[in-house]
Amino acid sequence: MTRRATHSIPAFDGHASRRHESVSIRRLNARGAFEALRHRRRLAGIQSIVHFAGFPRSGHSLIGSIIDAHPNARIAHELDAIGLLEAGLPLSRIAALMDHASRVFTRHGRYWNGYCYYVEGASHHRGDTLSVIGDKKGDMAVKRIQARPDLLEQLNRDTRWRKPWICVTRNPFDNIATMSLRAGRAYDALRTRTPEPAAFAAALRQSQADGHIADTVSDEQIDIYAALCETVERIRSHTAETDWHTLCHSALAAAPHGVLSRLMAFLGLPIDPDHIARSAALIHTRPSATRELVAWPAAARERVAGLIERYPFLAHYRDERGHAVD
């Protein structure tokens, strides 16, 4: 099989950060080797290399930055580590690239698609003792493994580190609505240039009326979400229970201190009350319900309800009778 010559990584540009750039695999491999040598003392303490498995716009960026704000952790923003593994880079160099990518993201203020993910007053890169490192590119990790199931075995072949998985879930109706809105990238561009909520809401309605952004949920996006569900379940079923953690976005909004404390315990990170409190301040107590921004034909609603009832990691979105709640 011919390996890719290039790899897509974020191109950070402060407040305007939202695009990716193509970089040669050879260059990234050399950067990884350099970073591994330069920071070998810090990287030697790594015990866990964490990956995210999930869906677009579920809160991976938020959770990644919250973990990154812990003094003993680094989480890269959209490095697509599984893609680098597929390209042939050794896991030790990928870990070094995770460390480097996280530091670059912080230098640019942790802005992405019109949002700021900086945890004020936290320890982004202030400590030199690392035990956890990772990458938050959850949907792409799933898509890579969907296309090449052997990548999961390849990842686990290197036994030097623990390989925990975090599955961040959001109500599937919101997930798929946002995926429908974002198709074509006009939604992200609008969000970046119109950060004020009221102005954004008005601009979105106008863009939908003009046909630039979807006003009805997309069947294609439901198909994509369903395929992701199937592969997330495959990863979960091939992962030890102690190395799989599902984090529900609405539960996080309702009780951030408890949810974040359990997340840190799962990762083996010391629970720092100051870190938890500063991170909780970044969480919206009323997450946006994007399902209300698009129309839902009955058939589409029934398909999504079926997915909620089928997959264990979506159990939070069922009522006491086991039926989907939208």
Protein backbone atom coordinates (compact mmCIF):
# COMPACT_ATOMS: atom_id res chain seq x y z
CA MET A 1 0.00 0.00 0.00
CA THR A 2 1.33 3.43 -0.95
CA ARG A 3 1.62 5.75 2.05
CA ARG A 4 0.52 9.36 1.96
CA ALA A 5 3.22 11.95 1.30
CA THR A 6 1.46 14.74 3.22
CA HIS A 7 -0.59 15.21 6.38
CA SER A 8 -3.09 17.94 7.33
CA ILE A 9 -2.49 19.89 10.55
CA PRO A 10 -3.99 23.13 11.92
CA ALA A 11 -2.52 26.43 10.74
CA PHE A 12 -3.03 28.70 13.76
CA ASP A 13 -3.66 32.39 13.24
CA GLY A 14 -4.79 33.81 16.59
CA HIS A 15 -8.49 34.78 16.74
CA ALA A 16 -8.95 33.80 13.08
CA SER A 17 -7.69 30.22 13.47
CA ARG A 18 -9.89 27.80 11.55
CA ARG A 19 -7.92 26.33 8.62
CA HIS A 20 -5.56 23.41 8.08
CA GLU A 21 -2.42 23.15 6.00
CA SER A 22 -0.77 20.23 4.25
CA VAL A 23 2.70 19.32 5.53
CA SER A 24 4.99 16.60 4.24
CA ILE A 25 5.17 13.41 6.30
CA ARG A 26 8.96 13.54 5.99
CA ARG A 27 9.02 16.99 7.56
CA LEU A 28 6.73 15.91 10.41
CA ASN A 29 8.83 12.82 11.03
CA ALA A 30 11.96 14.97 11.26
CA ARG A 31 10.17 17.43 13.57
CA GLY A 32 9.07 14.54 15.77
CA ALA A 33 12.61 13.18 16.00
CA PHE A 34 13.95 16.65 16.87
CA GLU A 35 11.28 17.30 19.51
CA ALA A 36 11.75 13.84 21.02
CA LEU A 37 15.46 14.50 21.44
CA ARG A 38 15.10 18.10 22.58
CA HIS A 39 12.49 17.34 25.24
CA ARG A 40 13.49 13.77 26.08
CA ARG A 41 13.62 14.45 29.81
CA ARG A 42 10.04 15.75 29.94
CA LEU A 43 8.69 13.11 27.55
CA ALA A 44 10.36 10.28 29.48
CA GLY A 45 7.72 10.59 32.20
CA ILE A 46 4.76 9.84 29.92
CA GLN A 47 2.64 6.95 31.17
CA SER A 48 -0.45 7.32 28.96
CA ILE A 49 -1.07 8.33 25.35
CA VAL A 50 -4.76 9.23 25.16
CA HIS A 51 -6.96 9.33 22.07
CA PHE A 52 -10.48 10.64 21.56
CA ALA A 53 -13.20 8.66 19.76
CA GLY A 54 -16.37 10.39 18.75
CA PHE A 55 -18.15 12.88 16.58
CA PRO A 56 -17.63 16.40 15.19
CA ARG A 57 -18.72 19.28 17.44
CA SER A 58 -19.17 17.15 20.56
CA GLY A 59 -16.85 19.14 22.81
CA HIS A 60 -13.51 17.46 22.08
CA SER A 61 -11.72 20.83 21.83
CA LEU A 62 -13.10 21.91 25.20
CA ILE A 63 -12.22 18.66 26.96
CA GLY A 64 -8.81 18.54 25.29
CA SER A 65 -7.96 22.03 26.52
CA ILE A 66 -9.21 21.25 30.02
CA ILE A 67 -6.91 18.22 30.21
CA ASP A 68 -4.10 20.28 28.70
CA ALA A 69 -4.56 22.85 31.47
CA HIS A 70 -3.49 20.24 34.02
CA PRO A 71 0.23 20.69 34.82
CA ASN A 72 0.96 17.02 34.08
CA ALA A 73 -0.81 16.73 30.72
CA ARG A 74 -0.64 17.87 27.08
CA ILE A 75 -3.35 17.42 24.46
CA ALA A 76 -2.68 18.36 20.83
CA HIS A 77 -5.39 20.16 18.88
CA GLU A 78 -6.31 18.18 15.76
CA LEU A 79 -2.90 16.67 15.10
CA ASP A 80 -4.65 13.54 13.76
CA ALA A 81 -2.29 11.18 15.56
CA ILE A 82 -3.91 8.03 14.13
CA GLY A 83 -3.22 9.44 10.68
CA LEU A 84 0.45 9.84 11.58
CA LEU A 85 0.49 6.26 12.87
CA GLU A 86 -1.00 5.15 9.54
CA ALA A 87 1.72 7.13 7.74
CA GLY A 88 4.39 5.11 9.52
CA LEU A 89 5.61 7.42 12.28
CA PRO A 90 6.63 5.66 15.52
CA LEU A 91 4.48 6.41 18.54
CA SER A 92 7.39 8.02 20.40
CA ARG A 93 7.73 10.67 17.66
CA ILE A 94 3.97 11.14 17.51
CA ALA A 95 3.99 11.83 21.27
CA ALA A 96 6.70 14.44 20.77
CA LEU A 97 4.61 16.06 18.01
CA MET A 98 1.61 16.09 20.38
CA ASP A 99 3.69 18.03 22.90
CA HIS A 100 4.88 20.48 20.24
CA ALA A 101 1.41 20.97 18.71
CA SER A 102 -0.10 21.67 22.12
CA ARG A 103 2.49 24.35 22.85
CA VAL A 104 1.91 26.01 19.46
CA PHE A 105 -1.85 26.08 20.06
CA THR A 106 -1.30 27.81 23.40
CA ARG A 107 1.02 30.41 21.87
CA HIS A 108 -1.82 31.36 19.51
CA GLY A 109 -4.32 31.81 22.35
CA ARG A 110 -6.18 28.49 21.87
CA TYR A 111 -8.66 29.97 19.38
CA TRP A 112 -10.49 27.73 16.89
CA ASN A 113 -13.57 28.39 14.73
CA GLY A 114 -14.47 31.52 16.66
CA TYR A 115 -14.12 29.98 20.15
CA CYS A 116 -11.40 30.42 22.76
CA TYR A 117 -10.37 27.29 24.64
CA TYR A 118 -7.84 28.85 26.99
CA VAL A 119 -8.35 27.99 30.68
CA GLU A 120 -7.56 31.28 32.40
CA GLY A 121 -4.93 31.06 35.14
CA ALA A 122 -4.32 27.36 34.50
CA SER A 123 -1.06 25.52 33.90
CA HIS A 124 -0.96 25.27 30.10
CA HIS A 125 2.69 24.26 29.60
CA ARG A 126 3.99 25.69 32.88
CA GLY A 127 5.13 22.35 34.25
CA ASP A 128 7.89 20.07 33.03
CA THR A 129 6.51 16.84 34.53
CA LEU A 130 4.33 15.03 31.99
CA SER A 131 2.45 11.78 32.59
CA VAL A 132 -0.41 12.10 30.06
CA ILE A 133 -0.23 13.21 26.45
CA GLY A 134 -2.71 12.89 23.60
CA ASP A 135 -4.61 14.23 20.62
CA LYS A 136 -8.24 15.33 20.50
CA LYS A 137 -8.99 14.67 16.80
CA GLY A 138 -11.79 12.27 17.72
CA ASP A 139 -13.86 12.05 14.55
CA MET A 140 -10.83 11.60 12.30
CA ALA A 141 -9.40 8.89 14.57
CA VAL A 142 -12.68 7.01 14.14
CA LYS A 143 -12.73 7.53 10.36
CA ARG A 144 -9.15 6.27 10.05
CA ILE A 145 -9.97 3.10 12.01
CA GLN A 146 -13.22 2.72 10.06
CA ALA A 147 -11.18 2.56 6.84
CA ARG A 148 -8.33 0.52 8.37
CA PRO A 149 -9.42 -1.56 11.40
CA ASP A 150 -5.86 -2.91 11.73
CA LEU A 151 -4.75 0.54 12.96
CA LEU A 152 -6.25 -0.28 16.36
CA GLU A 153 -4.04 -3.35 16.63
CA GLN A 154 -1.08 -1.33 15.38
CA LEU A 155 -1.66 1.30 18.07
CA ASN A 156 -1.80 -1.32 20.82
CA ARG A 157 1.30 -3.14 19.58
CA ASP A 158 3.58 -0.68 21.39
CA THR A 159 3.10 -1.63 25.04
CA ARG A 160 5.30 1.03 26.63
CA TRP A 161 2.32 3.25 27.42
CA ARG A 162 -1.28 2.92 28.50
CA LYS A 163 -3.67 3.81 25.62
CA PRO A 164 -6.89 5.22 27.17
CA TRP A 165 -9.80 6.37 24.99
CA ILE A 166 -12.18 9.24 25.76
CA CYS A 167 -15.57 9.32 24.04
CA VAL A 168 -17.19 12.75 24.40
CA THR A 169 -20.88 12.60 23.53
CA ARG A 170 -23.42 15.28 22.85
CA ASN A 171 -27.11 14.80 22.14
CA PRO A 172 -27.09 13.17 18.66
CA PHE A 173 -29.84 15.52 17.47
CA ASP A 174 -27.55 18.47 18.24
CA ASN A 175 -24.51 16.72 16.79
CA ILE A 176 -26.17 15.96 13.47
CA ALA A 177 -27.81 19.38 13.27
CA THR A 178 -24.42 21.03 13.71
CA MET A 179 -22.84 18.69 11.15
CA SER A 180 -25.60 19.69 8.71
CA LEU A 181 -25.05 23.39 9.38
CA ARG A 182 -21.29 23.08 8.97
CA ALA A 183 -21.38 21.25 5.64
CA GLY A 184 -19.58 23.47 3.14
CA ARG A 185 -17.73 25.46 5.85
CA ALA A 186 -19.88 28.60 5.47
CA TYR A 187 -21.14 28.15 9.05
CA ASP A 188 -17.60 28.12 10.52
CA ALA A 189 -16.62 31.20 8.51
CA LEU A 190 -19.71 33.01 9.74
CA ARG A 191 -18.98 32.01 13.35
CA THR A 192 -15.40 33.25 13.10
CA ARG A 193 -16.26 36.68 11.73
CA THR A 194 -19.43 37.16 13.85
CA PRO A 195 -18.57 36.21 17.46
CA GLU A 196 -21.34 38.22 19.17
CA PRO A 197 -24.27 35.80 19.82
CA ALA A 198 -27.19 38.01 18.77
CA ALA A 199 -25.44 39.18 15.62
CA PHE A 200 -24.47 35.59 14.77
CA ALA A 201 -28.05 34.35 15.21
CA ALA A 202 -29.38 37.02 12.87
CA ALA A 203 -26.64 36.40 10.30
CA LEU A 204 -27.28 32.64 10.45
CA ARG A 205 -30.99 33.05 9.76
CA GLN A 206 -30.21 35.25 6.78
CA SER A 207 -27.62 32.80 5.43
CA GLN A 208 -30.13 29.97 5.74
CA ALA A 209 -32.78 32.02 3.97
CA ASP A 210 -30.28 32.75 1.19
CA GLY A 211 -29.47 29.04 0.83
CA HIS A 212 -25.82 29.35 1.90
CA ILE A 213 -26.29 27.25 5.07
CA ALA A 214 -28.64 24.28 5.50
CA ASP A 215 -32.03 24.90 7.09
CA THR A 216 -33.02 21.19 7.18
CA VAL A 217 -31.11 18.27 8.68
CA SER A 218 -29.07 16.39 6.09
CA ASP A 219 -29.65 12.67 5.42
CA GLU A 220 -26.02 12.46 4.33
CA GLN A 221 -24.87 13.74 7.74
CA ILE A 222 -27.06 11.15 9.48
CA ASP A 223 -25.33 8.49 7.36
CA ILE A 224 -21.92 9.82 8.41
CA TYR A 225 -22.94 9.90 12.06
CA ALA A 226 -24.28 6.32 11.89
CA ALA A 227 -21.01 5.07 10.37
CA LEU A 228 -19.04 6.82 13.12
CA CYS A 229 -21.27 5.15 15.73
CA GLU A 230 -20.50 1.73 14.31
CA THR A 231 -16.74 2.28 14.50
CA VAL A 232 -16.85 3.92 17.95
CA GLU A 233 -18.59 0.76 19.17
CA ARG A 234 -15.89 -1.37 17.52
CA ILE A 235 -13.16 0.59 19.31
CA ARG A 236 -15.05 0.38 22.61
CA SER A 237 -15.53 -3.37 22.28
CA HIS A 238 -11.79 -3.86 21.63
CA THR A 239 -10.72 -1.65 24.55
CA ALA A 240 -10.40 -2.72 28.18
CA GLU A 241 -13.18 -1.29 30.33
CA THR A 242 -10.59 0.48 32.47
CA ASP A 243 -9.25 2.28 29.38
CA TRP A 244 -12.60 3.57 28.05
CA HIS A 245 -14.32 6.68 29.40
CA THR A 246 -17.57 8.15 28.08
CA LEU A 247 -18.13 11.81 28.95
CA CYS A 248 -21.58 13.26 28.31
CA HIS A 249 -21.57 16.96 27.42
CA SER A 250 -24.90 17.70 29.12
CA ALA A 251 -23.75 15.94 32.31
CA LEU A 252 -20.62 18.09 32.20
CA ALA A 253 -22.73 21.24 31.97
CA ALA A 254 -24.93 20.12 34.87
CA ALA A 255 -22.16 19.03 37.27
CA PRO A 256 -18.75 20.10 35.93
CA HIS A 257 -16.74 19.55 39.12
CA GLY A 258 -17.81 15.93 39.51
CA VAL A 259 -17.52 15.05 35.81
CA LEU A 260 -14.06 16.62 35.50
CA SER A 261 -12.82 14.98 38.71
CA ARG A 262 -13.87 11.57 37.36
CA LEU A 263 -12.12 12.33 34.06
CA MET A 264 -8.85 13.21 35.81
CA ALA A 265 -9.09 10.06 37.94
CA PHE A 266 -9.62 7.97 34.79
CA LEU A 267 -6.44 9.47 33.29
CA GLY A 268 -4.47 8.90 36.49
CA LEU A 269 -3.90 12.63 36.95
CA PRO A 270 -3.82 14.18 40.44
CA ILE A 271 -7.11 15.98 41.09
CA ASP A 272 -6.26 19.65 41.65
CA PRO A 273 -9.27 21.62 42.99
CA ASP A 274 -7.88 24.85 41.53
CA HIS A 275 -7.53 23.28 38.06
CA ILE A 276 -11.07 21.85 38.28
CA ALA A 277 -12.53 25.20 39.37
CA ARG A 278 -10.76 27.17 36.62
CA SER A 279 -11.80 24.60 34.01
CA ALA A 280 -15.42 24.63 35.18
CA ALA A 281 -15.53 28.38 34.51
CA LEU A 282 -15.03 27.62 30.80
CA ILE A 283 -18.12 25.41 30.58
CA HIS A 284 -21.47 26.78 29.49
CA THR A 285 -24.15 25.65 31.92
CA ARG A 286 -26.71 25.74 29.09
CA PRO A 287 -25.15 24.12 26.00
CA SER A 288 -26.51 25.34 22.69
CA ALA A 289 -29.36 23.27 21.24
CA THR A 290 -28.48 23.43 17.56
CA ARG A 291 -31.23 20.88 16.79
CA GLU A 292 -33.59 23.87 16.95
CA LEU A 293 -31.78 25.64 14.09
CA VAL A 294 -32.79 23.13 11.41
CA ALA A 295 -36.02 21.39 10.40
CA TRP A 296 -36.41 17.68 11.25
CA PRO A 297 -38.53 15.51 8.93
CA ALA A 298 -40.17 12.62 10.76
CA ALA A 299 -38.08 9.97 9.00
CA ALA A 300 -34.83 11.70 10.01
CA ARG A 301 -35.98 11.97 13.62
CA GLU A 302 -36.82 8.25 13.69
CA ARG A 303 -33.41 7.28 12.29
CA VAL A 304 -31.56 9.22 14.97
CA ALA A 305 -33.80 7.83 17.72
CA GLY A 306 -32.89 4.34 16.51
CA LEU A 307 -29.17 5.10 16.82
CA ILE A 308 -29.63 6.34 20.39
CA GLU A 309 -31.42 3.14 21.36
CA ARG A 310 -28.81 0.92 19.67
CA TYR A 311 -25.45 2.12 21.03
CA PRO A 312 -24.35 1.88 24.70
CA PHE A 313 -22.29 5.09 24.64
CA LEU A 314 -25.49 7.04 23.79
CA ALA A 315 -27.45 5.59 26.71
CA HIS A 316 -27.51 8.96 28.48
CA TYR A 317 -29.90 10.21 25.80
CA ARG A 318 -32.62 7.65 26.59
CA ASP A 319 -35.53 8.03 28.98
CA GLU A 320 -36.28 5.63 31.82
CA ARG A 321 -38.00 3.26 29.35
CA GLY A 322 -34.90 3.14 27.15
CA HIS A 323 -36.36 5.34 24.42
CA ALA A 324 -34.51 8.18 22.75
CA VAL A 325 -34.90 11.66 24.18
CA ASP A 326 -34.38 14.57 21.80
